[in-house]
Amino acid sequence: MSDTLTLHLQDLYIYPVKSLGGIRLQEATIEARGLRHDRRWLIVNEHNQFMTQRQTSGMALLQVAPAHNGFLITHRTRPDLLPLFVPFEARPERSLFVTIWDDFVFAWRGELAADEWLSKALGCTCRLVYMSDMAMRSVDPALNPADAVVSFADAYPFLLVGQGSLDELNSRLTEPVPMNRFRPNLVFSGGLAHAEDEWQEFRIGELTFRAVAACDRCVVTTIDQITGQKNPETLRTLASYRTLGGKVMFGQNVTGPGYGRLRIGDGLTVVSYK
């Protein structure tokens, strides 16, 4: 029972396009698949297979900013590419099936102009696709209630990380890294390092969440989200003290209530432990 300090929600993030930059929010609405607008868009290659920074580190250079009824994508080092506006939702005129991990998912196509912009930005043929509410992508039923669904996130609706966990990592690094290396939705403060590992059920405000599995980490943690450059120190250092079963763990995958609203500053209470 390591969380002896007052806990509260410090940061809220959504990532409208999987593996592109995030948007920090003051408050957010929860829906069945996670935070509203989180990872509902996905970039796929010419074979309709999902793309991430794992294989295409240049995606880190594509930053996302809020706009009216949508968001803007800009390239950090390509001023010749004017900002691309993407609405929060697509229209169903064109559809296709895409592959993300082991899942085959029905999706709607974005605008051709977005495909062209992203293909120029990333130097390869790619498409932008949207997950509508019609699409069914299930969360692992072995760990979660039946009929639970997820967006284009890797596997779960939410990712939770404690600020204390990042502080512990940074105390071991030559050059500290920001939280954006780990792409969380929910960041809490007030707890000790890796307190979230021990939690099972917890409440943020009046809403109940469940920590179901530790998050195993990959090469994305080594990519500077400003420059797109890789430095293996982050993952190597994490591996030196956070390896379990051959995987490097940091943060918790979480399921939520399917509805409600969160605000920065909301109190966090642990209900039960693993």
C-alpha atoms as a PDB file:
ATOM      1  CA  MET A   1       0.000   0.000   0.000  1.00  0.00           C
ATOM      2  CA  SER A   2       2.351   2.694  -1.244  1.00  0.00           C
ATOM      3  CA  ASP A   3       0.076   5.696  -1.876  1.00  0.00           C
ATOM      4  CA  THR A   4       0.253   7.435   1.484  1.00  0.00           C
ATOM      5  CA  LEU A   5       0.002  10.901  -0.045  1.00  0.00           C
ATOM      6  CA  THR A   6      -2.964  12.840  -1.419  1.00  0.00           C
ATOM      7  CA  LEU A   7      -3.582  11.826  -5.034  1.00  0.00           C
ATOM      8  CA  HIS A   8      -5.150  13.906  -7.782  1.00  0.00           C
ATOM      9  CA  LEU A   9      -5.455  14.009 -11.561  1.00  0.00           C
ATOM     10  CA  GLN A  10      -2.592  16.170 -12.829  1.00  0.00           C
ATOM     11  CA  ASP A  11      -2.925  15.863 -16.618  1.00  0.00           C
ATOM     12  CA  LEU A  12      -5.403  14.673 -19.257  1.00  0.00           C
ATOM     13  CA  TYR A  13      -4.291  13.863 -22.807  1.00  0.00           C
ATOM     14  CA  ILE A  14      -5.933  12.719 -26.009  1.00  0.00           C
ATOM     15  CA  TYR A  15      -4.163  11.610 -29.177  1.00  0.00           C
ATOM     16  CA  PRO A  16      -6.682  12.123 -32.005  1.00  0.00           C
ATOM     17  CA  VAL A  17      -4.442  10.241 -34.462  1.00  0.00           C
ATOM     18  CA  LYS A  18      -2.682   7.155 -33.157  1.00  0.00           C
ATOM     19  CA  SER A  19       1.083   7.748 -32.797  1.00  0.00           C
ATOM     20  CA  LEU A  20       0.942  11.482 -33.573  1.00  0.00           C
ATOM     21  CA  GLY A  21       1.216  14.306 -31.036  1.00  0.00           C
ATOM     22  CA  GLY A  22      -1.211  14.676 -28.157  1.00  0.00           C
ATOM     23  CA  ILE A  23      -3.472  17.462 -26.885  1.00  0.00           C
ATOM     24  CA  ARG A  24      -3.562  18.347 -23.196  1.00  0.00           C
ATOM     25  CA  LEU A  25      -7.083  19.040 -21.961  1.00  0.00           C
ATOM     26  CA  GLN A  26      -8.471  20.731 -18.864  1.00  0.00           C
ATOM     27  CA  GLU A  27     -11.475  18.400 -18.896  1.00  0.00           C
ATOM     28  CA  ALA A  28     -12.591  15.457 -20.983  1.00  0.00           C
ATOM     29  CA  THR A  29     -15.667  13.352 -21.633  1.00  0.00           C
ATOM     30  CA  ILE A  30     -15.476   9.585 -21.215  1.00  0.00           C
ATOM     31  CA  GLU A  31     -17.110   7.344 -23.797  1.00  0.00           C
ATOM     32  CA  ALA A  32     -17.224   3.583 -24.284  1.00  0.00           C
ATOM     33  CA  ARG A  33     -13.833   3.500 -26.065  1.00  0.00           C
ATOM     34  CA  GLY A  34     -12.035   5.896 -23.702  1.00  0.00           C
ATOM     35  CA  LEU A  35     -11.692   9.675 -23.748  1.00  0.00           C
ATOM     36  CA  ARG A  36     -13.751  11.328 -26.480  1.00  0.00           C
ATOM     37  CA  HIS A  37     -11.756  11.769 -29.717  1.00  0.00           C
ATOM     38  CA  ASP A  38      -8.809   9.697 -28.436  1.00  0.00           C
ATOM     39  CA  ARG A  39      -7.171   7.607 -31.174  1.00  0.00           C
ATOM     40  CA  ARG A  40     -10.226   7.512 -33.392  1.00  0.00           C
ATOM     41  CA  TRP A  41      -8.032   8.292 -36.437  1.00  0.00           C
ATOM     42  CA  LEU A  42      -5.287   5.992 -37.705  1.00  0.00           C
ATOM     43  CA  ILE A  43      -2.640   6.220 -40.424  1.00  0.00           C
ATOM     44  CA  VAL A  44      -2.303   3.062 -42.529  1.00  0.00           C
ATOM     45  CA  ASN A  45       0.128   2.109 -45.275  1.00  0.00           C
ATOM     46  CA  GLU A  46      -0.670   1.046 -48.840  1.00  0.00           C
ATOM     47  CA  HIS A  47      -1.585  -2.416 -47.539  1.00  0.00           C
ATOM     48  CA  ASN A  48      -4.018  -0.888 -44.989  1.00  0.00           C
ATOM     49  CA  GLN A  49      -1.787  -1.919 -42.094  1.00  0.00           C
ATOM     50  CA  PHE A  50      -1.431   0.455 -39.175  1.00  0.00           C
ATOM     51  CA  MET A  51       1.596   2.718 -38.898  1.00  0.00           C
ATOM     52  CA  THR A  52       3.238   3.928 -35.692  1.00  0.00           C
ATOM     53  CA  GLN A  53       6.455   5.555 -34.527  1.00  0.00           C
ATOM     54  CA  ARG A  54       7.800   2.061 -33.861  1.00  0.00           C
ATOM     55  CA  GLN A  55       8.582   1.706 -37.560  1.00  0.00           C
ATOM     56  CA  THR A  56       8.242   5.335 -38.720  1.00  0.00           C
ATOM     57  CA  SER A  57       9.929   7.601 -36.185  1.00  0.00           C
ATOM     58  CA  GLY A  58       9.235  10.636 -38.384  1.00  0.00           C
ATOM     59  CA  MET A  59       5.627  10.500 -37.183  1.00  0.00           C
ATOM     60  CA  ALA A  60       6.926  12.177 -34.012  1.00  0.00           C
ATOM     61  CA  LEU A  61       7.414  15.343 -36.065  1.00  0.00           C
ATOM     62  CA  LEU A  62       3.682  15.576 -36.817  1.00  0.00           C
ATOM     63  CA  GLN A  63       2.132  17.659 -34.074  1.00  0.00           C
ATOM     64  CA  VAL A  64      -1.559  18.061 -33.324  1.00  0.00           C
ATOM     65  CA  ALA A  65      -3.361  21.191 -32.082  1.00  0.00           C
ATOM     66  CA  PRO A  66      -7.044  21.756 -31.324  1.00  0.00           C
ATOM     67  CA  ALA A  67      -9.246  23.578 -33.845  1.00  0.00           C
ATOM     68  CA  HIS A  68     -12.974  24.203 -34.143  1.00  0.00           C
ATOM     69  CA  ASN A  69     -14.727  20.816 -34.512  1.00  0.00           C
ATOM     70  CA  GLY A  70     -11.428  19.122 -35.232  1.00  0.00           C
ATOM     71  CA  PHE A  71      -7.674  19.514 -35.069  1.00  0.00           C
ATOM     72  CA  LEU A  72      -4.687  20.734 -37.089  1.00  0.00           C
ATOM     73  CA  ILE A  73      -1.682  18.607 -38.008  1.00  0.00           C
ATOM     74  CA  THR A  74       1.579  20.428 -38.655  1.00  0.00           C
ATOM     75  CA  HIS A  75       5.093  19.258 -39.507  1.00  0.00           C
ATOM     76  CA  ARG A  76       7.802  20.597 -37.218  1.00  0.00           C
ATOM     77  CA  THR A  77      10.500  20.856 -39.902  1.00  0.00           C
ATOM     78  CA  ARG A  78       8.518  21.231 -43.160  1.00  0.00           C
ATOM     79  CA  PRO A  79       7.146  24.784 -43.436  1.00  0.00           C
ATOM     80  CA  ASP A  80       6.243  23.997 -47.049  1.00  0.00           C
ATOM     81  CA  LEU A  81       3.461  21.752 -45.741  1.00  0.00           C
ATOM     82  CA  LEU A  82       0.610  24.020 -44.679  1.00  0.00           C
ATOM     83  CA  PRO A  83      -1.375  22.890 -41.600  1.00  0.00           C
ATOM     84  CA  LEU A  84      -3.803  20.072 -42.335  1.00  0.00           C
ATOM     85  CA  PHE A  85      -7.275  20.376 -40.827  1.00  0.00           C
ATOM     86  CA  VAL A  86      -8.953  17.110 -39.816  1.00  0.00           C
ATOM     87  CA  PRO A  87     -12.486  16.988 -38.397  1.00  0.00           C
ATOM     88  CA  PHE A  88     -13.082  14.986 -35.238  1.00  0.00           C
ATOM     89  CA  GLU A  89     -15.312  12.620 -37.224  1.00  0.00           C
ATOM     90  CA  ALA A  90     -15.284  11.331 -40.799  1.00  0.00           C
ATOM     91  CA  ARG A  91     -18.183  10.759 -43.180  1.00  0.00           C
ATOM     92  CA  PRO A  92     -19.135   7.255 -44.335  1.00  0.00           C
ATOM     93  CA  GLU A  93     -18.914   7.806 -48.091  1.00  0.00           C
ATOM     94  CA  ARG A  94     -15.866   5.554 -48.414  1.00  0.00           C
ATOM     95  CA  SER A  95     -14.964   2.599 -46.197  1.00  0.00           C
ATOM     96  CA  LEU A  96     -12.389  -0.185 -45.944  1.00  0.00           C
ATOM     97  CA  PHE A  97     -10.970  -2.715 -43.505  1.00  0.00           C
ATOM     98  CA  VAL A  98      -7.638  -2.062 -41.787  1.00  0.00           C
ATOM     99  CA  THR A  99      -5.292  -4.194 -39.706  1.00  0.00           C
ATOM    100  CA  ILE A 100      -4.111  -3.112 -36.265  1.00  0.00           C
ATOM    101  CA  TRP A 101      -2.117  -5.745 -34.392  1.00  0.00           C
ATOM    102  CA  ASP A 102      -4.230  -8.925 -34.678  1.00  0.00           C
ATOM    103  CA  ASP A 103      -7.481  -7.061 -35.292  1.00  0.00           C
ATOM    104  CA  PHE A 104      -9.235  -6.532 -38.633  1.00  0.00           C
ATOM    105  CA  VAL A 105     -11.306  -3.363 -38.201  1.00  0.00           C
ATOM    106  CA  PHE A 106     -13.943  -1.618 -40.329  1.00  0.00           C
ATOM    107  CA  ALA A 107     -13.043   2.045 -40.914  1.00  0.00           C
ATOM    108  CA  TRP A 108     -14.124   5.100 -42.865  1.00  0.00           C
ATOM    109  CA  ARG A 109     -11.733   6.881 -45.206  1.00  0.00           C
ATOM    110  CA  GLY A 110     -10.675  10.447 -44.556  1.00  0.00           C
ATOM    111  CA  GLU A 111     -10.319  13.075 -47.273  1.00  0.00           C
ATOM    112  CA  LEU A 112      -7.995  12.416 -50.208  1.00  0.00           C
ATOM    113  CA  ALA A 113      -6.247  15.705 -49.402  1.00  0.00           C
ATOM    114  CA  ALA A 114      -5.281  14.276 -45.999  1.00  0.00           C
ATOM    115  CA  ASP A 115      -3.863  11.133 -47.623  1.00  0.00           C
ATOM    116  CA  GLU A 116      -1.780  13.270 -49.970  1.00  0.00           C
ATOM    117  CA  TRP A 117      -0.538  15.556 -47.172  1.00  0.00           C
ATOM    118  CA  LEU A 118       0.477  12.653 -44.936  1.00  0.00           C
ATOM    119  CA  SER A 119       2.145  10.797 -47.810  1.00  0.00           C
ATOM    120  CA  LYS A 120       4.313  13.870 -48.494  1.00  0.00           C
ATOM    121  CA  ALA A 121       5.028  14.383 -44.785  1.00  0.00           C
ATOM    122  CA  LEU A 122       6.076  10.777 -44.154  1.00  0.00           C
ATOM    123  CA  GLY A 123       7.651  10.013 -47.528  1.00  0.00           C
ATOM    124  CA  CYS A 124       5.510   6.963 -48.260  1.00  0.00           C
ATOM    125  CA  THR A 125       2.030   6.127 -49.510  1.00  0.00           C
ATOM    126  CA  CYS A 126      -0.429   6.220 -46.632  1.00  0.00           C
ATOM    127  CA  ARG A 127      -4.068   6.853 -45.808  1.00  0.00           C
ATOM    128  CA  LEU A 128      -5.949   8.398 -42.911  1.00  0.00           C
ATOM    129  CA  VAL A 129      -8.878   6.351 -41.614  1.00  0.00           C
ATOM    130  CA  TYR A 130     -11.484   6.829 -38.882  1.00  0.00           C
ATOM    131  CA  MET A 131     -13.120   4.422 -36.433  1.00  0.00           C
ATOM    132  CA  SER A 132     -16.841   5.073 -36.290  1.00  0.00           C
ATOM    133  CA  ASP A 133     -19.155   3.935 -33.523  1.00  0.00           C
ATOM    134  CA  MET A 134     -20.231   1.151 -35.893  1.00  0.00           C
ATOM    135  CA  ALA A 135     -16.822  -0.527 -35.698  1.00  0.00           C
ATOM    136  CA  MET A 136     -16.345  -3.294 -33.149  1.00  0.00           C
ATOM    137  CA  ARG A 137     -12.881  -3.773 -31.695  1.00  0.00           C
ATOM    138  CA  SER A 138     -13.023  -5.664 -28.423  1.00  0.00           C
ATOM    139  CA  VAL A 139     -10.832  -5.390 -25.352  1.00  0.00           C
ATOM    140  CA  ASP A 140      -9.271  -8.681 -24.242  1.00  0.00           C
ATOM    141  CA  PRO A 141     -12.246 -10.527 -22.703  1.00  0.00           C
ATOM    142  CA  ALA A 142      -9.953 -12.483 -20.359  1.00  0.00           C
ATOM    143  CA  LEU A 143      -9.269  -9.321 -18.382  1.00  0.00           C
ATOM    144  CA  ASN A 144     -12.365  -7.213 -18.957  1.00  0.00           C
ATOM    145  CA  PRO A 145     -16.146  -7.357 -18.996  1.00  0.00           C
ATOM    146  CA  ALA A 146     -17.824  -8.762 -22.081  1.00  0.00           C
ATOM    147  CA  ASP A 147     -18.606  -6.279 -24.867  1.00  0.00           C
ATOM    148  CA  ALA A 148     -15.927  -3.768 -23.767  1.00  0.00           C
ATOM    149  CA  VAL A 149     -14.553  -1.941 -26.827  1.00  0.00           C
ATOM    150  CA  VAL A 150     -11.464   0.104 -27.599  1.00  0.00           C
ATOM    151  CA  SER A 151     -10.418   2.684 -30.198  1.00  0.00           C
ATOM    152  CA  PHE A 152      -7.213   2.436 -32.262  1.00  0.00           C
ATOM    153  CA  ALA A 153      -5.225   2.479 -29.000  1.00  0.00           C
ATOM    154  CA  ASP A 154      -2.949  -0.537 -28.666  1.00  0.00           C
ATOM    155  CA  ALA A 155      -5.320  -2.588 -26.505  1.00  0.00           C
ATOM    156  CA  TYR A 156      -7.084  -0.664 -23.722  1.00  0.00           C
ATOM    157  CA  PRO A 157      -9.218   2.487 -23.384  1.00  0.00           C
ATOM    158  CA  PHE A 158      -6.871   4.357 -21.005  1.00  0.00           C
ATOM    159  CA  LEU A 159      -3.205   4.500 -20.033  1.00  0.00           C
ATOM    160  CA  LEU A 160      -2.358   5.713 -16.520  1.00  0.00           C
ATOM    161  CA  VAL A 161       1.074   6.925 -15.354  1.00  0.00           C
ATOM    162  CA  GLY A 162       2.095   8.510 -12.056  1.00  0.00           C
ATOM    163  CA  GLN A 163       4.284  11.607 -12.054  1.00  0.00           C
ATOM    164  CA  GLY A 164       6.303   9.910  -9.316  1.00  0.00           C
ATOM    165  CA  SER A 165       7.102   7.050 -11.698  1.00  0.00           C
ATOM    166  CA  LEU A 166       8.536   9.457 -14.265  1.00  0.00           C
ATOM    167  CA  ASP A 167      10.452  11.310 -11.557  1.00  0.00           C
ATOM    168  CA  GLU A 168      12.048   8.028 -10.473  1.00  0.00           C
ATOM    169  CA  LEU A 169      13.111   7.243 -14.040  1.00  0.00           C
ATOM    170  CA  ASN A 170      14.506  10.742 -14.567  1.00  0.00           C
ATOM    171  CA  SER A 171      16.579  10.446 -11.388  1.00  0.00           C
ATOM    172  CA  ARG A 172      18.395   7.577 -13.121  1.00  0.00           C
ATOM    173  CA  LEU A 173      18.842   9.198 -16.555  1.00  0.00           C
ATOM    174  CA  THR A 174      21.676  11.403 -17.786  1.00  0.00           C
ATOM    175  CA  GLU A 175      19.100  13.563 -19.592  1.00  0.00           C
ATOM    176  CA  PRO A 176      15.560  13.679 -18.142  1.00  0.00           C
ATOM    177  CA  VAL A 177      12.673  12.935 -20.490  1.00  0.00           C
ATOM    178  CA  PRO A 178       9.151  14.428 -20.523  1.00  0.00           C
ATOM    179  CA  MET A 179       5.932  12.503 -20.001  1.00  0.00           C
ATOM    180  CA  ASN A 180       5.132  12.592 -23.733  1.00  0.00           C
ATOM    181  CA  ARG A 181       7.584   9.718 -24.265  1.00  0.00           C
ATOM    182  CA  PHE A 182       4.971   7.445 -22.651  1.00  0.00           C
ATOM    183  CA  ARG A 183       1.774   8.789 -24.231  1.00  0.00           C
ATOM    184  CA  PRO A 184      -0.560   8.494 -21.228  1.00  0.00           C
ATOM    185  CA  ASN A 185      -4.191   9.595 -21.093  1.00  0.00           C
ATOM    186  CA  LEU A 186      -4.255  10.014 -17.314  1.00  0.00           C
ATOM    187  CA  VAL A 187      -1.383  11.374 -15.206  1.00  0.00           C
ATOM    188  CA  PHE A 188      -1.730  11.592 -11.441  1.00  0.00           C
ATOM    189  CA  SER A 189       0.460  13.239  -8.848  1.00  0.00           C
ATOM    190  CA  GLY A 190       0.901  12.789  -5.118  1.00  0.00           C
ATOM    191  CA  GLY A 191       1.870   9.106  -5.092  1.00  0.00           C
ATOM    192  CA  LEU A 192       5.178   7.337  -4.734  1.00  0.00           C
ATOM    193  CA  ALA A 193       7.001   5.894  -7.740  1.00  0.00           C
ATOM    194  CA  HIS A 194       5.039   3.081  -9.427  1.00  0.00           C
ATOM    195  CA  ALA A 195       2.245   3.169  -6.853  1.00  0.00           C
ATOM    196  CA  GLU A 196      -0.130   2.433  -9.753  1.00  0.00           C
ATOM    197  CA  ASP A 197       1.362  -1.067 -10.090  1.00  0.00           C
ATOM    198  CA  GLU A 198      -0.427  -2.093  -6.888  1.00  0.00           C
ATOM    199  CA  TRP A 199      -3.869  -0.746  -7.698  1.00  0.00           C
ATOM    200  CA  GLN A 200      -6.850  -2.721  -8.880  1.00  0.00           C
ATOM    201  CA  GLU A 201      -9.868  -0.414  -8.644  1.00  0.00           C
ATOM    202  CA  PHE A 202      -9.594   3.338  -8.156  1.00  0.00           C
ATOM    203  CA  ARG A 203     -11.859   6.349  -8.437  1.00  0.00           C
ATOM    204  CA  ILE A 204     -11.200   9.692 -10.056  1.00  0.00           C
ATOM    205  CA  GLY A 205     -13.839  11.967  -8.648  1.00  0.00           C
ATOM    206  CA  GLU A 206     -16.909   9.735  -8.537  1.00  0.00           C
ATOM    207  CA  LEU A 207     -15.919   7.557 -11.515  1.00  0.00           C
ATOM    208  CA  THR A 208     -14.517   4.055 -11.020  1.00  0.00           C
ATOM    209  CA  PHE A 209     -11.629   2.674 -13.103  1.00  0.00           C
ATOM    210  CA  ARG A 210      -9.805  -0.646 -13.094  1.00  0.00           C
ATOM    211  CA  ALA A 211      -6.066  -1.171 -13.644  1.00  0.00           C
ATOM    212  CA  VAL A 212      -5.936  -4.438 -15.566  1.00  0.00           C
ATOM    213  CA  ALA A 213      -2.374  -4.876 -16.837  1.00  0.00           C
ATOM    214  CA  ALA A 214       1.020  -3.233 -16.732  1.00  0.00           C
ATOM    215  CA  CYS A 215       2.015  -1.515 -19.982  1.00  0.00           C
ATOM    216  CA  ASP A 216       5.023  -3.086 -21.707  1.00  0.00           C
ATOM    217  CA  ARG A 217       7.219  -0.527 -23.403  1.00  0.00           C
ATOM    218  CA  CYS A 218       8.852  -0.342 -26.821  1.00  0.00           C
ATOM    219  CA  VAL A 219      11.209   1.787 -28.897  1.00  0.00           C
ATOM    220  CA  VAL A 220       8.789   4.758 -28.893  1.00  0.00           C
ATOM    221  CA  THR A 221      10.083   5.651 -25.414  1.00  0.00           C
ATOM    222  CA  THR A 222      13.481   6.343 -27.003  1.00  0.00           C
ATOM    223  CA  ILE A 223      12.145   8.847 -29.578  1.00  0.00           C
ATOM    224  CA  ASP A 224      12.383  12.561 -28.833  1.00  0.00           C
ATOM    225  CA  GLN A 225       8.915  13.903 -29.641  1.00  0.00           C
ATOM    226  CA  ILE A 226      10.365  17.254 -30.702  1.00  0.00           C
ATOM    227  CA  THR A 227      13.188  16.126 -32.992  1.00  0.00           C
ATOM    228  CA  GLY A 228      12.257  12.546 -33.886  1.00  0.00           C
ATOM    229  CA  GLN A 229      15.764  11.431 -32.880  1.00  0.00           C
ATOM    230  CA  LYS A 230      16.325   8.188 -30.953  1.00  0.00           C
ATOM    231  CA  ASN A 231      18.339   7.728 -27.778  1.00  0.00           C
ATOM    232  CA  PRO A 232      18.357   4.190 -26.351  1.00  0.00           C
ATOM    233  CA  GLU A 233      19.144   5.365 -22.807  1.00  0.00           C
ATOM    234  CA  THR A 234      15.499   5.683 -21.785  1.00  0.00           C
ATOM    235  CA  LEU A 235      14.512   2.099 -22.552  1.00  0.00           C
ATOM    236  CA  ARG A 236      17.852   0.686 -21.452  1.00  0.00           C
ATOM    237  CA  THR A 237      17.567   2.408 -18.074  1.00  0.00           C
ATOM    238  CA  LEU A 238      13.959   1.316 -17.612  1.00  0.00           C
ATOM    239  CA  ALA A 239      14.974  -2.252 -18.426  1.00  0.00           C
ATOM    240  CA  SER A 240      17.570  -2.179 -15.660  1.00  0.00           C
ATOM    241  CA  TYR A 241      14.887  -1.981 -12.951  1.00  0.00           C
ATOM    242  CA  ARG A 242      11.466  -2.432 -14.583  1.00  0.00           C
ATOM    243  CA  THR A 243      11.788  -5.754 -16.459  1.00  0.00           C
ATOM    244  CA  LEU A 244       9.194  -8.421 -15.753  1.00  0.00           C
ATOM    245  CA  GLY A 245       8.787 -11.593 -17.768  1.00  0.00           C
ATOM    246  CA  GLY A 246      11.193 -10.299 -20.400  1.00  0.00           C
ATOM    247  CA  LYS A 247       9.191  -7.089 -20.922  1.00  0.00           C
ATOM    248  CA  VAL A 248       9.876  -3.530 -19.762  1.00  0.00           C
ATOM    249  CA  MET A 249       6.899  -2.215 -17.773  1.00  0.00           C
ATOM    250  CA  PHE A 250       5.880   1.391 -17.112  1.00  0.00           C
ATOM    251  CA  GLY A 251       2.356   2.594 -16.288  1.00  0.00           C
ATOM    252  CA  GLN A 252      -0.945   0.723 -16.201  1.00  0.00           C
ATOM    253  CA  ASN A 253      -3.512  -0.149 -18.856  1.00  0.00           C
ATOM    254  CA  VAL A 254      -6.937   0.803 -17.546  1.00  0.00           C
ATOM    255  CA  THR A 255     -10.622   0.279 -18.293  1.00  0.00           C
ATOM    256  CA  GLY A 256     -13.229   2.822 -17.239  1.00  0.00           C
ATOM    257  CA  PRO A 257     -16.900   3.437 -16.630  1.00  0.00           C
ATOM    258  CA  GLY A 258     -17.859   4.064 -20.264  1.00  0.00           C
ATOM    259  CA  TYR A 259     -19.349   7.488 -19.495  1.00  0.00           C
ATOM    260  CA  GLY A 260     -18.709  10.536 -17.310  1.00  0.00           C
ATOM    261  CA  ARG A 261     -16.431  13.548 -17.220  1.00  0.00           C
ATOM    262  CA  LEU A 262     -12.951  14.154 -15.833  1.00  0.00           C
ATOM    263  CA  ARG A 263     -11.269  17.411 -14.866  1.00  0.00           C
ATOM    264  CA  ILE A 264      -7.694  18.237 -13.974  1.00  0.00           C
ATOM    265  CA  GLY A 265      -7.520  18.502 -10.202  1.00  0.00           C
ATOM    266  CA  ASP A 266     -10.072  15.750  -9.549  1.00  0.00           C
ATOM    267  CA  GLY A 267      -9.192  13.688  -6.498  1.00  0.00           C
ATOM    268  CA  LEU A 268      -8.060  10.095  -6.919  1.00  0.00           C
ATOM    269  CA  THR A 269      -8.897   7.390  -4.380  1.00  0.00           C
ATOM    270  CA  VAL A 270      -7.641   3.797  -4.422  1.00  0.00           C
ATOM    271  CA  VAL A 271     -10.521   1.377  -3.779  1.00  0.00           C
ATOM    272  CA  SER A 272      -8.748  -1.983  -3.915  1.00  0.00           C
ATOM    273  CA  TYR A 273      -5.319  -3.476  -4.514  1.00  0.00           C
ATOM    274  CA  LYS A 274      -4.018  -6.388  -6.584  1.00  0.00           C
END
